[in-house]
Amino acid sequence: MAKGTENVDRSAVEEVLLALRSELRERVRGLDKDVHHREEPIPADFAEQAVALENQEVLEALDEDARVELEQINQALQRLEEGVYGSCASCGEAIAPERLHAIAWAILCIDCASLAEQKPS
């Protein structure tokens, strides 16, 4: 583990990440079912179709967000397994335990995250 993260309870972090992953997998399954109308056909009425299309866009955005977060959690579990969990991917310094507690899948320390947010995309 990264210097400064020796006090991070590896099993507690893993437990949190696995619980989050399980929750997100369920969410993705539910969204997938809704996005692809697996249980309910698309309405025949034009006005209802317009509402359904708007809902579809929201569901697709939620699905994408959940899938991205799921991938971040999987990567955090991989870093935990490799013994590099808690190291900043940019500068290599330890990520503050408070930050990891708030965002268990964080890959950047607060300074590097702040710099990344300031960069134009």
Protein backbone atom coordinates (compact mmCIF):
# COMPACT_ATOMS: atom_id res chain seq x y z
CA MET A 1 0.00 0.00 0.00
CA ALA A 2 1.04 3.58 -0.51
CA LYS A 3 3.07 5.39 2.10
CA GLY A 4 0.65 7.10 4.44
CA THR A 5 -2.14 4.59 3.85
CA GLU A 6 -0.76 1.86 6.10
CA ASN A 7 -3.56 2.67 8.55
CA VAL A 8 -6.26 2.00 5.94
CA ASP A 9 -8.17 -1.14 6.89
CA ARG A 10 -7.82 -3.17 3.70
CA SER A 11 -10.63 -5.58 4.53
CA ALA A 12 -13.01 -2.73 5.43
CA VAL A 13 -12.21 -0.95 2.15
CA GLU A 14 -12.72 -4.17 0.22
CA GLU A 15 -16.04 -4.76 1.97
CA VAL A 16 -17.26 -1.25 1.09
CA LEU A 17 -16.14 -1.58 -2.53
CA LEU A 18 -17.75 -5.00 -2.93
CA ALA A 19 -21.03 -3.73 -1.45
CA LEU A 20 -20.99 -0.73 -3.79
CA ARG A 21 -20.21 -2.99 -6.74
CA SER A 22 -23.11 -5.28 -5.89
CA GLU A 23 -25.49 -2.32 -5.57
CA LEU A 24 -24.35 -0.86 -8.89
CA ARG A 25 -24.65 -4.19 -10.68
CA GLU A 26 -28.27 -4.41 -9.54
CA ARG A 27 -28.88 -0.83 -10.67
CA VAL A 28 -27.35 -1.53 -14.09
CA ARG A 29 -29.51 -4.66 -14.47
CA GLY A 30 -32.65 -2.66 -13.63
CA LEU A 31 -31.72 0.19 -15.95
CA ASP A 32 -30.87 -2.24 -18.74
CA LYS A 33 -34.31 -3.81 -18.39
CA ASP A 34 -35.96 -0.35 -18.54
CA VAL A 35 -33.79 1.00 -21.37
CA HIS A 36 -34.51 -2.00 -23.58
CA HIS A 37 -38.20 -2.21 -22.64
CA ARG A 38 -37.83 -5.82 -21.59
CA GLU A 39 -41.06 -5.87 -19.58
CA GLU A 40 -43.09 -3.07 -21.12
CA PRO A 41 -43.57 -2.26 -24.82
CA ILE A 42 -43.14 1.24 -26.23
CA PRO A 43 -46.47 3.12 -26.06
CA ALA A 44 -48.49 3.45 -29.27
CA ASP A 45 -49.71 7.00 -28.51
CA PHE A 46 -47.46 9.74 -29.99
CA ALA A 47 -47.56 11.95 -26.85
CA GLU A 48 -46.71 8.98 -24.68
CA GLN A 49 -43.88 8.08 -27.05
CA ALA A 50 -42.44 11.60 -26.65
CA VAL A 51 -42.47 11.23 -22.86
CA ALA A 52 -41.01 7.73 -23.16
CA LEU A 53 -38.20 9.09 -25.36
CA GLU A 54 -37.33 11.75 -22.77
CA ASN A 55 -37.37 9.10 -20.07
CA GLN A 56 -35.22 6.88 -22.28
CA GLU A 57 -32.55 9.58 -22.50
CA VAL A 58 -32.51 9.99 -18.72
CA LEU A 59 -32.32 6.22 -18.21
CA GLU A 60 -29.47 5.92 -20.69
CA ALA A 61 -27.53 8.68 -18.89
CA LEU A 62 -28.12 7.00 -15.52
CA ASP A 63 -27.03 3.69 -17.01
CA GLU A 64 -23.82 5.18 -18.38
CA ASP A 65 -23.04 6.87 -15.04
CA ALA A 66 -23.60 3.60 -13.17
CA ARG A 67 -21.38 1.69 -15.60
CA VAL A 68 -18.58 4.26 -15.26
CA GLU A 69 -18.80 4.12 -11.47
CA LEU A 70 -18.82 0.32 -11.60
CA GLU A 71 -15.63 0.36 -13.65
CA GLN A 72 -14.01 2.76 -11.16
CA ILE A 73 -14.89 0.41 -8.32
CA ASN A 74 -13.49 -2.57 -10.21
CA GLN A 75 -10.26 -0.63 -10.79
CA ALA A 76 -10.09 0.27 -7.07
CA LEU A 77 -10.47 -3.40 -6.17
CA GLN A 78 -7.67 -4.21 -8.62
CA ARG A 79 -5.42 -1.55 -7.05
CA LEU A 80 -6.23 -2.97 -3.63
CA GLU A 81 -5.23 -6.44 -4.82
CA GLU A 82 -2.00 -5.08 -6.34
CA GLY A 83 -1.12 -3.23 -3.14
CA VAL A 84 -1.19 0.23 -4.72
CA TYR A 85 -4.58 1.30 -3.41
CA GLY A 86 -4.33 4.77 -1.89
CA SER A 87 -1.48 6.00 -4.10
CA CYS A 88 -2.20 8.98 -6.32
CA ALA A 89 -2.08 7.93 -9.98
CA SER A 90 -0.58 11.30 -10.89
CA CYS A 91 2.03 12.20 -8.27
CA GLY A 92 2.41 8.89 -6.42
CA GLU A 93 1.81 10.41 -3.00
CA ALA A 94 -0.68 8.92 -0.56
CA ILE A 95 -4.31 9.88 -0.97
CA ALA A 96 -5.66 11.23 2.32
CA PRO A 97 -7.64 8.58 4.23
CA GLU A 98 -10.50 11.09 4.57
CA ARG A 99 -10.71 11.34 0.78
CA LEU A 100 -10.65 7.56 0.40
CA HIS A 101 -13.36 7.28 3.02
CA ALA A 102 -15.53 9.72 1.05
CA ILE A 103 -14.64 8.36 -2.41
CA ALA A 104 -13.34 4.82 -1.98
CA TRP A 105 -12.38 4.57 -5.67
CA ALA A 106 -10.43 7.86 -5.79
CA ILE A 107 -7.25 7.62 -7.87
CA LEU A 108 -6.01 11.17 -7.34
CA CYS A 109 -4.99 13.01 -4.20
CA ILE A 110 -6.92 16.20 -3.52
CA ASP A 111 -4.17 18.41 -5.00
CA CYS A 112 -3.96 16.47 -8.26
CA ALA A 113 -7.76 16.22 -8.48
CA SER A 114 -7.99 20.00 -8.09
CA LEU A 115 -5.40 20.50 -10.83
CA ALA A 116 -7.22 18.08 -13.13
CA GLU A 117 -10.49 19.98 -12.67
CA GLN A 118 -8.80 23.26 -13.60
CA LYS A 119 -7.46 21.92 -16.91
CA PRO A 120 -9.66 22.70 -19.92
CA SER A 121 -11.05 19.58 -21.58
